Amino acid sequence: MLFPALRNQNESGARRTVQQNPGGSSRRLDFSEHFRFGVPELDGAHAELIDILNETRAPDADRQAISDQLHRFSEAYATHCRVEEIFLRSVGYGRLSEHVAKHRALARQIDECCRAFQADPTADRQVIDALCEAFMEHMLYDLQFKSHLDEVRGR
């Protein structure tokens, strides 16, 4: 694994939503209600990012298709970060600096995965697995913001 520090659970014990695809060794990520913030722009972007990752995991995806999806993921993630950071700022999220740092760290991991994919044709699934793990770890981290947003909304 490229990112050995990643765990199967976060500090609160929440499990990632990663499942085996029935057709092969590829793993499928699911965007469950647990990850919805109730902010359409953020929820839509998170769902889109998970869909892109799932396309890279398709059992029939060839190397070019995976490369194209990795590029698409990197661009979509950068756009999502800008939108999410603007939103976090607008609701006065007190941990914005930390959240931005987490975004930057994941962006570096995404770049590392893209480079590793290009450099080693035999590491396809391993690289994608690492990217999926890193992204789902970030989604679990985002749940801290969801808790803040629920407090702001009075839930």
C-alpha atoms as a PDB file:
ATOM      1  CA  MET A   1       0.000   0.000   0.000  1.00  0.00           C
ATOM      2  CA  LEU A   2       1.354   3.425  -0.902  1.00  0.00           C
ATOM      3  CA  PHE A   3      -0.075   5.071   2.221  1.00  0.00           C
ATOM      4  CA  PRO A   4       0.498   2.602   5.070  1.00  0.00           C
ATOM      5  CA  ALA A   5      -0.725   5.019   7.727  1.00  0.00           C
ATOM      6  CA  LEU A   6      -4.299   4.719   6.476  1.00  0.00           C
ATOM      7  CA  ARG A   7      -6.557   2.643   8.663  1.00  0.00           C
ATOM      8  CA  ASN A   8      -9.882   0.870   8.135  1.00  0.00           C
ATOM      9  CA  GLN A   9     -11.518   3.007  10.796  1.00  0.00           C
ATOM     10  CA  ASN A  10     -11.327   6.593  11.857  1.00  0.00           C
ATOM     11  CA  GLU A  11     -10.979   7.719  15.478  1.00  0.00           C
ATOM     12  CA  SER A  12     -14.727   7.448  16.102  1.00  0.00           C
ATOM     13  CA  GLY A  13     -14.818   3.909  14.723  1.00  0.00           C
ATOM     14  CA  ALA A  14     -16.780   4.772  11.558  1.00  0.00           C
ATOM     15  CA  ARG A  15     -16.123   2.270   8.796  1.00  0.00           C
ATOM     16  CA  ARG A  16     -15.361   3.208   5.224  1.00  0.00           C
ATOM     17  CA  THR A  17     -17.942   2.260   2.669  1.00  0.00           C
ATOM     18  CA  VAL A  18     -15.800   0.176   0.350  1.00  0.00           C
ATOM     19  CA  GLN A  19     -17.125  -3.051  -1.104  1.00  0.00           C
ATOM     20  CA  GLN A  20     -15.887  -5.736  -3.451  1.00  0.00           C
ATOM     21  CA  ASN A  21     -17.361  -5.533  -6.919  1.00  0.00           C
ATOM     22  CA  PRO A  22     -19.086  -8.815  -7.735  1.00  0.00           C
ATOM     23  CA  GLY A  23     -17.290  -9.077 -11.088  1.00  0.00           C
ATOM     24  CA  GLY A  24     -13.681  -9.092  -9.980  1.00  0.00           C
ATOM     25  CA  SER A  25     -11.000  -7.765  -7.695  1.00  0.00           C
ATOM     26  CA  SER A  26     -12.032  -4.137  -8.139  1.00  0.00           C
ATOM     27  CA  ARG A  27     -13.483  -2.415  -5.128  1.00  0.00           C
ATOM     28  CA  ARG A  28     -16.541  -0.203  -5.274  1.00  0.00           C
ATOM     29  CA  LEU A  29     -16.974   2.933  -3.209  1.00  0.00           C
ATOM     30  CA  ASP A  30     -20.482   3.917  -2.224  1.00  0.00           C
ATOM     31  CA  PHE A  31     -21.646   7.429  -1.418  1.00  0.00           C
ATOM     32  CA  SER A  32     -23.995   6.692   1.451  1.00  0.00           C
ATOM     33  CA  GLU A  33     -26.393   9.053   3.214  1.00  0.00           C
ATOM     34  CA  HIS A  34     -23.856   9.085   6.041  1.00  0.00           C
ATOM     35  CA  PHE A  35     -21.638  11.330   3.896  1.00  0.00           C
ATOM     36  CA  ARG A  36     -24.345  13.795   2.791  1.00  0.00           C
ATOM     37  CA  PHE A  37     -24.065  17.328   4.177  1.00  0.00           C
ATOM     38  CA  GLY A  38     -27.335  18.594   2.757  1.00  0.00           C
ATOM     39  CA  VAL A  39     -25.399  21.077   0.619  1.00  0.00           C
ATOM     40  CA  PRO A  40     -26.097  20.111  -3.005  1.00  0.00           C
ATOM     41  CA  GLU A  41     -22.841  21.523  -4.408  1.00  0.00           C
ATOM     42  CA  LEU A  42     -20.737  19.589  -1.901  1.00  0.00           C
ATOM     43  CA  ASP A  43     -22.798  16.413  -1.952  1.00  0.00           C
ATOM     44  CA  GLY A  44     -22.814  16.385  -5.746  1.00  0.00           C
ATOM     45  CA  ALA A  45     -19.052  16.872  -5.917  1.00  0.00           C
ATOM     46  CA  HIS A  46     -18.390  14.123  -3.365  1.00  0.00           C
ATOM     47  CA  ALA A  47     -20.669  11.736  -5.279  1.00  0.00           C
ATOM     48  CA  GLU A  48     -18.994  12.658  -8.579  1.00  0.00           C
ATOM     49  CA  LEU A  49     -15.524  12.040  -7.138  1.00  0.00           C
ATOM     50  CA  ILE A  50     -16.607   8.625  -5.873  1.00  0.00           C
ATOM     51  CA  ASP A  51     -18.146   7.824  -9.279  1.00  0.00           C
ATOM     52  CA  ILE A  52     -14.864   8.716 -11.001  1.00  0.00           C
ATOM     53  CA  LEU A  53     -12.918   6.480  -8.636  1.00  0.00           C
ATOM     54  CA  ASN A  54     -15.373   3.666  -9.323  1.00  0.00           C
ATOM     55  CA  GLU A  55     -14.773   4.100 -13.059  1.00  0.00           C
ATOM     56  CA  THR A  56     -11.050   3.598 -12.463  1.00  0.00           C
ATOM     57  CA  ARG A  57     -11.910   0.372 -10.611  1.00  0.00           C
ATOM     58  CA  ALA A  58     -14.081  -1.099 -13.364  1.00  0.00           C
ATOM     59  CA  PRO A  59     -12.820  -4.611 -14.133  1.00  0.00           C
ATOM     60  CA  ASP A  60     -12.793  -3.853 -17.865  1.00  0.00           C
ATOM     61  CA  ALA A  61     -11.013  -0.463 -17.600  1.00  0.00           C
ATOM     62  CA  ASP A  62      -7.886  -0.374 -19.748  1.00  0.00           C
ATOM     63  CA  ARG A  63      -4.777   1.596 -18.912  1.00  0.00           C
ATOM     64  CA  GLN A  64      -5.751   4.630 -21.022  1.00  0.00           C
ATOM     65  CA  ALA A  65      -9.231   4.766 -19.488  1.00  0.00           C
ATOM     66  CA  ILE A  66      -7.741   4.618 -16.004  1.00  0.00           C
ATOM     67  CA  SER A  67      -5.236   7.352 -16.860  1.00  0.00           C
ATOM     68  CA  ASP A  68      -8.035   9.549 -18.218  1.00  0.00           C
ATOM     69  CA  GLN A  69     -10.125   8.997 -15.075  1.00  0.00           C
ATOM     70  CA  LEU A  70      -7.178   9.776 -12.796  1.00  0.00           C
ATOM     71  CA  HIS A  71      -6.687  13.073 -14.634  1.00  0.00           C
ATOM     72  CA  ARG A  72     -10.418  13.783 -14.411  1.00  0.00           C
ATOM     73  CA  PHE A  73     -10.375  12.962 -10.680  1.00  0.00           C
ATOM     74  CA  SER A  74      -7.446  15.295 -10.042  1.00  0.00           C
ATOM     75  CA  GLU A  75      -9.183  18.186 -11.819  1.00  0.00           C
ATOM     76  CA  ALA A  76     -12.555  17.527 -10.166  1.00  0.00           C
ATOM     77  CA  TYR A  77     -10.907  17.306  -6.755  1.00  0.00           C
ATOM     78  CA  ALA A  78      -9.126  20.656  -7.229  1.00  0.00           C
ATOM     79  CA  THR A  79     -12.411  22.311  -8.214  1.00  0.00           C
ATOM     80  CA  HIS A  80     -14.226  20.682  -5.315  1.00  0.00           C
ATOM     81  CA  CYS A  81     -11.621  21.932  -2.833  1.00  0.00           C
ATOM     82  CA  ARG A  82     -12.039  25.515  -4.002  1.00  0.00           C
ATOM     83  CA  VAL A  83     -15.830  25.326  -3.682  1.00  0.00           C
ATOM     84  CA  GLU A  84     -15.760  23.546  -0.330  1.00  0.00           C
ATOM     85  CA  GLU A  85     -13.245  25.987   1.140  1.00  0.00           C
ATOM     86  CA  ILE A  86     -15.370  28.961   0.069  1.00  0.00           C
ATOM     87  CA  PHE A  87     -18.383  27.328   1.694  1.00  0.00           C
ATOM     88  CA  LEU A  88     -16.495  26.501   4.910  1.00  0.00           C
ATOM     89  CA  ARG A  89     -15.343  30.113   5.114  1.00  0.00           C
ATOM     90  CA  SER A  90     -18.923  31.356   4.574  1.00  0.00           C
ATOM     91  CA  VAL A  91     -20.269  29.376   7.561  1.00  0.00           C
ATOM     92  CA  GLY A  92     -17.406  30.365   9.838  1.00  0.00           C
ATOM     93  CA  TYR A  93     -15.906  26.926  10.217  1.00  0.00           C
ATOM     94  CA  GLY A  94     -13.321  27.232  12.995  1.00  0.00           C
ATOM     95  CA  ARG A  95     -11.050  24.502  11.651  1.00  0.00           C
ATOM     96  CA  LEU A  96     -10.787  25.924   8.144  1.00  0.00           C
ATOM     97  CA  SER A  97      -6.978  26.173   8.144  1.00  0.00           C
ATOM     98  CA  GLU A  98      -6.674  22.543   9.200  1.00  0.00           C
ATOM     99  CA  HIS A  99      -9.227  21.502   6.580  1.00  0.00           C
ATOM    100  CA  VAL A 100      -7.379  23.386   3.840  1.00  0.00           C
ATOM    101  CA  ALA A 101      -4.153  21.659   4.913  1.00  0.00           C
ATOM    102  CA  LYS A 102      -5.925  18.286   4.633  1.00  0.00           C
ATOM    103  CA  HIS A 103      -7.081  19.217   1.126  1.00  0.00           C
ATOM    104  CA  ARG A 104      -3.530  20.106   0.129  1.00  0.00           C
ATOM    105  CA  ALA A 105      -2.168  16.867   1.595  1.00  0.00           C
ATOM    106  CA  LEU A 106      -4.701  14.785  -0.338  1.00  0.00           C
ATOM    107  CA  ALA A 107      -3.940  16.747  -3.517  1.00  0.00           C
ATOM    108  CA  ARG A 108      -0.291  15.747  -3.067  1.00  0.00           C
ATOM    109  CA  GLN A 109      -1.339  12.106  -2.577  1.00  0.00           C
ATOM    110  CA  ILE A 110      -3.449  12.289  -5.739  1.00  0.00           C
ATOM    111  CA  ASP A 111      -0.442  13.633  -7.651  1.00  0.00           C
ATOM    112  CA  GLU A 112       1.717  10.860  -6.165  1.00  0.00           C
ATOM    113  CA  CYS A 113      -0.803   8.230  -7.283  1.00  0.00           C
ATOM    114  CA  CYS A 114      -0.948   9.679 -10.792  1.00  0.00           C
ATOM    115  CA  ARG A 115       2.851   9.664 -11.046  1.00  0.00           C
ATOM    116  CA  ALA A 116       3.070   6.118  -9.662  1.00  0.00           C
ATOM    117  CA  PHE A 117       0.461   4.941 -12.152  1.00  0.00           C
ATOM    118  CA  GLN A 118       2.395   6.447 -15.048  1.00  0.00           C
ATOM    119  CA  ALA A 119       5.740   5.094 -13.802  1.00  0.00           C
ATOM    120  CA  ASP A 120       4.796   1.485 -13.062  1.00  0.00           C
ATOM    121  CA  PRO A 121       2.375  -0.317 -15.387  1.00  0.00           C
ATOM    122  CA  THR A 122       2.171  -3.284 -13.016  1.00  0.00           C
ATOM    123  CA  ALA A 123       0.965  -1.184 -10.078  1.00  0.00           C
ATOM    124  CA  ASP A 124      -2.421  -0.276 -11.575  1.00  0.00           C
ATOM    125  CA  ARG A 125      -4.746  -1.701  -8.938  1.00  0.00           C
ATOM    126  CA  GLN A 126      -2.386  -0.999  -6.070  1.00  0.00           C
ATOM    127  CA  VAL A 127      -2.207   2.680  -7.017  1.00  0.00           C
ATOM    128  CA  ILE A 128      -5.967   2.964  -7.428  1.00  0.00           C
ATOM    129  CA  ASP A 129      -6.531   1.179  -4.111  1.00  0.00           C
ATOM    130  CA  ALA A 130      -4.243   3.703  -2.402  1.00  0.00           C
ATOM    131  CA  LEU A 131      -6.108   6.616  -3.965  1.00  0.00           C
ATOM    132  CA  CYS A 132      -9.479   5.174  -2.927  1.00  0.00           C
ATOM    133  CA  GLU A 133      -8.230   4.679   0.627  1.00  0.00           C
ATOM    134  CA  ALA A 134      -6.852   8.214   0.820  1.00  0.00           C
ATOM    135  CA  PHE A 135     -10.055   9.756  -0.516  1.00  0.00           C
ATOM    136  CA  MET A 136     -12.313   7.770   1.796  1.00  0.00           C
ATOM    137  CA  GLU A 137     -10.099   8.757   4.728  1.00  0.00           C
ATOM    138  CA  HIS A 138     -10.725  12.375   3.732  1.00  0.00           C
ATOM    139  CA  MET A 139     -14.465  11.751   3.490  1.00  0.00           C
ATOM    140  CA  LEU A 140     -14.372  10.462   7.064  1.00  0.00           C
ATOM    141  CA  TYR A 141     -12.456  13.586   8.070  1.00  0.00           C
ATOM    142  CA  ASP A 142     -15.159  15.696   6.394  1.00  0.00           C
ATOM    143  CA  LEU A 143     -17.669  14.283   8.873  1.00  0.00           C
ATOM    144  CA  GLN A 144     -16.205  16.723  11.429  1.00  0.00           C
ATOM    145  CA  PHE A 145     -17.462  19.546   9.250  1.00  0.00           C
ATOM    146  CA  LYS A 146     -20.826  17.833   8.896  1.00  0.00           C
ATOM    147  CA  SER A 147     -21.129  17.866  12.693  1.00  0.00           C
ATOM    148  CA  HIS A 148     -20.317  21.597  12.708  1.00  0.00           C
ATOM    149  CA  LEU A 149     -22.886  22.246  10.002  1.00  0.00           C
ATOM    150  CA  ASP A 150     -25.538  20.297  11.944  1.00  0.00           C
ATOM    151  CA  GLU A 151     -24.780  22.490  14.992  1.00  0.00           C
ATOM    152  CA  VAL A 152     -25.103  25.668  12.902  1.00  0.00           C
ATOM    153  CA  ARG A 153     -28.443  24.412  11.582  1.00  0.00           C
ATOM    154  CA  GLY A 154     -29.610  23.603  15.137  1.00  0.00           C
ATOM    155  CA  ARG A 155     -29.941  19.858  14.612  1.00  0.00           C
END
